[in-house]
């Protein structure tokens, strides 16, 4: 949610830096970028996708499933920085997490070793955050596109080496110099070039809803994904990123089976601030119900500021309460 291709690990709306009694280690420049383009973002959000006539595939209405498996994960950057990789993964497991979201590594042997460490600790690396803010596929400059393609190819190969199923991608950025239509067309054109490699490696490209002035309605997001017509391009849904202009449960129901991964964040509209999970305006009960309705099974990955063992255990318990709703 925050901004900039990893490292540092970041993605789609600013990562929350929480005020708590626990030791915090946010270490992420995302919060510095929190105010960037807010006014333009809200302006776009208010008029998103008007008149597009988009249709989404209906979601299943099955609720209250038995045997659904929702697994707790966190980003590798949330773990204490002073620990060895082995100790980090062991701490994640001790705190109740079952998976890790990592970052791209150009050294594939090192990536494979890291993936094995995580798996042996019981917290496999399930996803890689590439991002894409530094070289968006909406850019008109061919050199930027070349850089973006090379970066994503590295991320896909790194994901395979680490044992990850997905690579998170910010598909495009709309701004004063890049129009919405151009961003839509260019990003699809260039992302399609990556699908053969994704299929060869068995790694899904997961496009996330972020604060990039793009894909501002769930109907449009659904259409964007459908137009690729590929099992290797799906949606990575961030719960917290839509709260200032929508309702997470609505997005989940509209996107349905297109969703391959979920990011957990919370946001309070009054005061315009990120909060810890269950302290903001996300209707977690409805979100939980919507996940059942679309029969989502998989990881729920937190994307928050990092902290010590006490903080991580508290966060794990907060997710337990969400899952139990």
Protein backbone atom coordinates (compact mmCIF):
# COMPACT_ATOMS: atom_id res chain seq x y z
CA UNK A 1 0.00 0.00 0.00
CA UNK A 2 2.51 2.69 0.61
CA UNK A 3 4.68 4.01 -1.99
CA UNK A 4 7.81 2.95 -3.71
CA UNK A 5 8.93 -0.38 -5.06
CA UNK A 6 10.45 -2.67 -2.50
CA UNK A 7 12.81 -2.46 -0.81
CA UNK A 8 11.58 -0.92 1.41
CA UNK A 9 8.51 -3.11 1.47
CA UNK A 10 5.56 -0.91 0.68
CA UNK A 11 2.43 -0.68 -1.40
CA UNK A 12 -0.91 0.83 -1.67
CA UNK A 13 -1.94 3.61 0.65
CA UNK A 14 0.35 4.91 3.36
CA UNK A 15 1.26 2.24 5.88
CA UNK A 16 -0.18 3.16 9.30
CA UNK A 17 2.20 4.20 12.03
CA UNK A 18 0.33 3.36 15.20
CA UNK A 19 0.45 5.24 18.47
CA UNK A 20 0.53 2.57 21.17
CA UNK A 21 2.40 1.51 24.29
CA UNK A 22 4.37 -0.94 22.26
CA UNK A 23 7.74 -0.26 20.64
CA UNK A 24 7.09 0.82 17.07
CA UNK A 25 9.46 0.39 14.16
CA UNK A 26 7.58 1.72 11.18
CA UNK A 27 10.80 2.46 9.29
CA UNK A 28 8.80 3.27 6.19
CA UNK A 29 8.76 6.43 4.21
CA UNK A 30 5.12 5.84 3.37
CA UNK A 31 3.77 8.01 6.16
CA UNK A 32 5.87 10.87 4.89
CA UNK A 33 3.97 10.50 1.65
CA UNK A 34 0.57 10.29 3.36
CA UNK A 35 -0.50 13.76 2.34
CA UNK A 36 0.71 13.48 -1.25
CA UNK A 37 -2.07 14.01 -3.75
CA UNK A 38 -4.86 13.69 -1.16
CA UNK A 39 -6.89 16.49 -2.65
CA UNK A 40 -6.58 15.16 -6.17
CA UNK A 41 -7.27 11.63 -4.94
CA UNK A 42 -10.49 12.65 -3.22
CA UNK A 43 -11.56 14.64 -6.25
CA UNK A 44 -11.07 11.61 -8.47
CA UNK A 45 -12.76 9.33 -5.96
CA UNK A 46 -15.86 11.49 -5.88
CA UNK A 47 -16.40 11.06 -9.61
CA UNK A 48 -14.88 7.64 -10.17
CA UNK A 49 -16.16 5.52 -13.02
CA UNK A 50 -19.28 7.59 -13.68
CA UNK A 51 -21.02 6.46 -16.81
CA UNK A 52 -18.79 3.48 -17.53
CA UNK A 53 -21.60 0.96 -17.41
CA UNK A 54 -19.36 -1.65 -15.84
CA UNK A 55 -20.72 -5.03 -14.88
CA UNK A 56 -19.17 -7.47 -12.44
CA UNK A 57 -19.64 -11.20 -12.15
CA UNK A 58 -22.07 -11.96 -9.32
CA UNK A 59 -20.53 -13.20 -6.11
CA UNK A 60 -21.71 -16.34 -4.40
CA UNK A 61 -24.13 -15.75 -1.54
CA UNK A 62 -23.03 -18.65 0.65
CA UNK A 63 -22.44 -17.35 4.18
CA UNK A 64 -21.21 -18.81 7.42
CA UNK A 65 -19.05 -21.47 5.80
CA UNK A 66 -17.61 -24.22 7.93
CA UNK A 67 -14.02 -25.21 7.35
CA UNK A 68 -12.97 -21.94 5.74
CA UNK A 69 -9.27 -21.38 6.29
CA UNK A 70 -8.16 -17.80 6.79
CA UNK A 71 -4.47 -17.58 7.60
CA UNK A 72 -2.76 -14.69 9.37
CA UNK A 73 0.32 -13.13 7.78
CA UNK A 74 2.42 -10.01 8.12
CA UNK A 75 4.96 -8.17 6.04
CA UNK A 76 8.61 -8.94 6.65
CA UNK A 77 9.33 -5.26 7.30
CA UNK A 78 7.05 -5.34 10.36
CA UNK A 79 9.40 -7.67 12.22
CA UNK A 80 12.17 -6.25 14.46
CA UNK A 81 15.08 -5.17 12.29
CA UNK A 82 17.81 -6.24 14.70
CA UNK A 83 17.03 -9.95 14.41
CA UNK A 84 18.44 -12.51 12.00
CA UNK A 85 16.08 -13.75 9.31
CA UNK A 86 15.68 -17.05 11.14
CA UNK A 87 14.86 -15.27 14.40
CA UNK A 88 12.38 -12.99 12.63
CA UNK A 89 10.47 -15.91 11.18
CA UNK A 90 10.49 -17.78 14.49
CA UNK A 91 9.11 -14.69 16.23
CA UNK A 92 6.34 -14.39 13.63
CA UNK A 93 5.31 -17.97 14.31
CA UNK A 94 5.52 -17.48 18.06
CA UNK A 95 3.14 -14.52 17.75
CA UNK A 96 0.58 -16.64 15.91
CA UNK A 97 1.24 -15.71 12.28
CA UNK A 98 1.23 -18.34 9.54
CA UNK A 99 2.82 -16.54 6.62
CA UNK A 100 5.14 -13.76 5.48
CA UNK A 101 4.89 -11.21 2.71
CA UNK A 102 8.36 -10.53 1.36
CA UNK A 103 10.22 -8.35 -1.09
CA UNK A 104 11.96 -9.03 -4.41
CA UNK A 105 15.54 -10.28 -4.36
CA UNK A 106 17.78 -10.27 -7.42
CA UNK A 107 19.97 -13.06 -5.99
CA UNK A 108 17.80 -16.11 -6.62
CA UNK A 109 19.96 -18.45 -4.55
CA UNK A 110 19.63 -16.10 -1.57
CA UNK A 111 15.90 -15.84 -2.29
CA UNK A 112 15.55 -19.62 -2.26
CA UNK A 113 17.47 -19.81 1.01
CA UNK A 114 15.24 -17.16 2.60
CA UNK A 115 12.13 -18.97 1.45
CA UNK A 116 13.35 -22.20 3.00
CA UNK A 117 14.10 -20.46 6.30
CA UNK A 118 10.56 -19.10 6.41
CA UNK A 119 8.98 -22.40 5.46
CA UNK A 120 11.01 -24.32 8.03
CA UNK A 121 9.84 -21.85 10.70
CA UNK A 122 6.21 -22.52 9.75
CA UNK A 123 5.63 -19.10 8.17
CA UNK A 124 6.09 -19.55 4.40
CA UNK A 125 6.58 -16.53 2.17
CA UNK A 126 3.25 -16.45 0.35
CA UNK A 127 3.53 -13.16 -1.54
CA UNK A 128 6.08 -10.64 -2.81
CA UNK A 129 5.52 -6.89 -2.92
CA UNK A 130 6.98 -5.36 -6.04
CA UNK A 131 4.93 -2.15 -5.98
CA UNK A 132 5.56 -0.20 -9.14
CA UNK A 133 5.51 3.43 -8.07
CA UNK A 134 9.01 4.06 -9.34
CA UNK A 135 8.39 2.77 -12.86
CA UNK A 136 4.63 2.67 -13.52
CA UNK A 137 3.26 0.95 -16.59
CA UNK A 138 1.20 4.06 -17.31
CA UNK A 139 4.29 6.16 -18.06
CA UNK A 140 4.69 7.38 -21.66
CA UNK A 141 8.50 7.05 -21.50
CA UNK A 142 9.68 3.74 -23.03
CA UNK A 143 12.72 3.71 -20.74
CA UNK A 144 10.45 3.81 -17.69
CA UNK A 145 8.41 0.93 -19.10
CA UNK A 146 11.59 -1.04 -19.77
CA UNK A 147 12.64 -0.50 -16.16
CA UNK A 148 9.22 -1.58 -14.91
CA UNK A 149 9.19 -4.75 -17.01
CA UNK A 150 12.68 -5.69 -15.82
CA UNK A 151 11.67 -5.06 -12.22
CA UNK A 152 8.56 -7.19 -12.48
CA UNK A 153 10.44 -10.00 -14.20
CA UNK A 154 12.91 -10.00 -11.31
CA UNK A 155 10.05 -9.97 -8.81
CA UNK A 156 8.30 -12.90 -10.50
CA UNK A 157 11.47 -15.00 -10.57
CA UNK A 158 12.22 -14.04 -6.98
CA UNK A 159 8.70 -15.01 -5.94
CA UNK A 160 9.15 -18.44 -7.50
CA UNK A 161 12.47 -18.90 -5.70
CA UNK A 162 11.00 -17.87 -2.34
CA UNK A 163 7.95 -20.08 -2.77
CA UNK A 164 5.48 -17.21 -3.11
CA UNK A 165 2.21 -17.50 -5.02
CA UNK A 166 1.77 -13.84 -6.00
CA UNK A 167 3.57 -10.61 -6.81
CA UNK A 168 1.76 -7.42 -5.82
CA UNK A 169 1.71 -4.75 -8.52
CA UNK A 170 0.54 -1.14 -8.60
CA UNK A 171 -0.69 -1.17 -12.21
CA UNK A 172 -0.71 2.53 -13.08
CA UNK A 173 -0.61 6.08 -11.77
CA UNK A 174 -2.93 8.85 -12.95
CA UNK A 175 -1.65 12.41 -12.50
CA UNK A 176 -1.54 15.78 -14.27
CA UNK A 177 0.68 14.36 -16.97
CA UNK A 178 -0.93 10.94 -17.43
CA UNK A 179 -4.64 10.78 -18.23
CA UNK A 180 -6.98 8.08 -16.96
CA UNK A 181 -7.63 6.57 -20.37
CA UNK A 182 -3.95 6.46 -21.24
CA UNK A 183 -3.11 4.87 -17.89
CA UNK A 184 -5.77 2.21 -18.44
CA UNK A 185 -4.66 1.33 -21.97
CA UNK A 186 -0.91 1.50 -21.42
CA UNK A 187 -0.91 -0.50 -18.20
CA UNK A 188 -2.92 -3.34 -19.71
CA UNK A 189 -0.71 -3.37 -22.80
CA UNK A 190 2.51 -3.67 -20.82
CA UNK A 191 1.24 -6.00 -18.08
CA UNK A 192 0.10 -8.44 -20.77
CA UNK A 193 3.75 -8.80 -21.79
CA UNK A 194 4.43 -10.34 -18.36
CA UNK A 195 1.66 -12.95 -18.39
CA UNK A 196 3.61 -15.65 -20.29
CA UNK A 197 6.42 -15.51 -17.71
CA UNK A 198 3.91 -15.49 -14.85
CA UNK A 199 2.28 -18.61 -16.29
CA UNK A 200 5.62 -20.31 -16.86
CA UNK A 201 6.61 -19.71 -13.24
CA UNK A 202 3.16 -20.35 -11.78
CA UNK A 203 3.09 -16.97 -10.03
CA UNK A 204 0.02 -14.70 -10.14
CA UNK A 205 0.37 -10.96 -10.81
CA UNK A 206 -1.90 -9.39 -8.19
CA UNK A 207 -3.04 -5.84 -8.95
CA UNK A 208 -3.87 -3.83 -5.81
CA UNK A 209 -6.26 -0.96 -5.15
CA UNK A 210 -4.04 1.87 -3.92
CA UNK A 211 -4.02 5.65 -3.68
CA UNK A 212 -2.95 6.18 -7.29
CA UNK A 213 -6.06 7.91 -8.69
CA UNK A 214 -6.82 4.74 -10.67
CA UNK A 215 -9.46 1.96 -10.53
CA UNK A 216 -11.57 3.99 -8.16
CA UNK A 217 -14.68 1.81 -8.17
CA UNK A 218 -15.07 -1.95 -7.64
CA UNK A 219 -16.96 -2.24 -10.93
CA UNK A 220 -14.08 -0.72 -12.84
CA UNK A 221 -11.53 -2.82 -10.96
CA UNK A 222 -13.52 -5.95 -11.84
CA UNK A 223 -13.66 -5.01 -15.51
CA UNK A 224 -9.95 -4.22 -15.58
CA UNK A 225 -9.09 -7.68 -14.25
CA UNK A 226 -11.60 -9.46 -16.51
CA UNK A 227 -10.19 -7.86 -19.64
CA UNK A 228 -6.90 -9.69 -19.18
CA UNK A 229 -8.81 -12.98 -19.36
CA UNK A 230 -5.93 -14.77 -17.64
CA UNK A 231 -5.62 -16.93 -14.52
CA UNK A 232 -2.28 -15.19 -13.92
CA UNK A 233 -3.77 -11.73 -13.35
CA UNK A 234 -5.99 -11.26 -10.30
CA UNK A 235 -6.92 -8.68 -7.66
CA UNK A 236 -5.09 -7.96 -4.42
CA UNK A 237 -7.69 -6.22 -2.26
CA UNK A 238 -6.66 -3.79 0.47
CA UNK A 239 -9.43 -3.34 3.03
CA UNK A 240 -8.23 -0.03 4.46
CA UNK A 241 -7.45 1.76 1.22
CA UNK A 242 -11.10 2.21 0.21
CA UNK A 243 -12.55 3.50 3.48
CA UNK A 244 -12.37 7.22 2.66
CA UNK A 245 -14.56 6.77 -0.41
CA UNK A 246 -16.27 3.40 -0.17
CA UNK A 247 -17.08 0.28 1.81
CA UNK A 248 -14.72 -2.68 1.88
CA UNK A 249 -17.49 -5.27 2.05
CA UNK A 250 -19.02 -3.87 -1.15
CA UNK A 251 -15.71 -4.10 -2.98
CA UNK A 252 -15.17 -7.66 -1.77
CA UNK A 253 -18.61 -8.78 -2.95
CA UNK A 254 -18.17 -7.09 -6.33
CA UNK A 255 -14.68 -8.42 -6.98
CA UNK A 256 -15.60 -11.88 -5.74
CA UNK A 257 -13.42 -14.70 -7.06
CA UNK A 258 -11.08 -12.23 -8.70
CA UNK A 259 -9.52 -11.63 -5.27
CA UNK A 260 -6.40 -13.71 -4.69
CA UNK A 261 -4.99 -11.92 -1.63
CA UNK A 262 -6.19 -9.57 1.12
CA UNK A 263 -4.39 -6.75 2.94
CA UNK A 264 -5.65 -5.72 6.38
CA UNK A 265 -5.54 -2.07 7.47
CA UNK A 266 -7.97 0.21 9.28
CA UNK A 267 -8.74 3.89 8.80
CA UNK A 268 -10.75 6.51 10.67
CA UNK A 269 -12.54 9.04 8.47
CA UNK A 270 -12.84 11.62 11.25
CA UNK A 271 -9.37 12.98 11.69
CA UNK A 272 -8.24 11.27 8.50
CA UNK A 273 -5.89 8.83 10.18
CA UNK A 274 -4.72 5.24 10.07
CA UNK A 275 -5.44 3.19 13.16
CA UNK A 276 -4.71 -0.24 14.53
CA UNK A 277 -7.04 -3.01 13.37
CA UNK A 278 -10.57 -2.70 14.82
CA UNK A 279 -9.96 0.89 15.97
CA UNK A 280 -11.09 2.59 12.76
CA UNK A 281 -14.17 2.72 10.54
CA UNK A 282 -13.83 -0.61 8.74
CA UNK A 283 -16.98 -2.65 9.36
CA UNK A 284 -15.09 -5.84 10.16
CA UNK A 285 -18.21 -7.90 10.77
CA UNK A 286 -19.47 -7.12 7.28
CA UNK A 287 -16.01 -7.66 5.79
CA UNK A 288 -15.84 -11.05 7.44
CA UNK A 289 -19.29 -11.94 6.14
CA UNK A 290 -18.35 -10.82 2.62
CA UNK A 291 -15.23 -13.01 2.68
CA UNK A 292 -17.43 -15.99 3.49
CA UNK A 293 -19.85 -15.08 0.72
CA UNK A 294 -17.13 -15.12 -1.94
CA UNK A 295 -15.64 -18.27 -0.36
CA UNK A 296 -12.27 -16.67 0.20
CA UNK A 297 -9.66 -19.04 1.58
CA UNK A 298 -6.15 -17.76 2.05
CA UNK A 299 -3.94 -15.24 3.73
CA UNK A 300 -4.99 -12.05 5.49
CA UNK A 301 -1.80 -9.98 5.53
CA UNK A 302 -1.38 -7.02 7.86
CA UNK A 303 0.31 -3.94 6.46
CA UNK A 304 1.02 -1.76 9.47
CA UNK A 305 3.93 -0.24 11.30
CA UNK A 306 6.22 -2.82 12.87
CA UNK A 307 6.90 -3.46 16.52
CA UNK A 308 8.17 -5.76 19.24
CA UNK A 309 6.85 -9.13 20.39
CA UNK A 310 4.13 -7.65 22.61
CA UNK A 311 2.85 -5.48 19.78
CA UNK A 312 2.85 -8.37 17.31
CA UNK A 313 1.02 -10.67 19.72
CA UNK A 314 -1.63 -8.01 20.26
CA UNK A 315 -1.98 -7.56 16.51
CA UNK A 316 -2.34 -11.31 16.05
CA UNK A 317 -5.15 -11.37 18.63
CA UNK A 318 -6.91 -8.52 16.84
CA UNK A 319 -6.92 -10.56 13.64
CA UNK A 320 -8.21 -13.58 15.57
CA UNK A 321 -11.19 -11.49 16.68
CA UNK A 322 -11.88 -10.45 13.09
CA UNK A 323 -11.73 -14.04 11.86
CA UNK A 324 -14.04 -15.17 14.68
CA UNK A 325 -16.79 -12.69 13.73
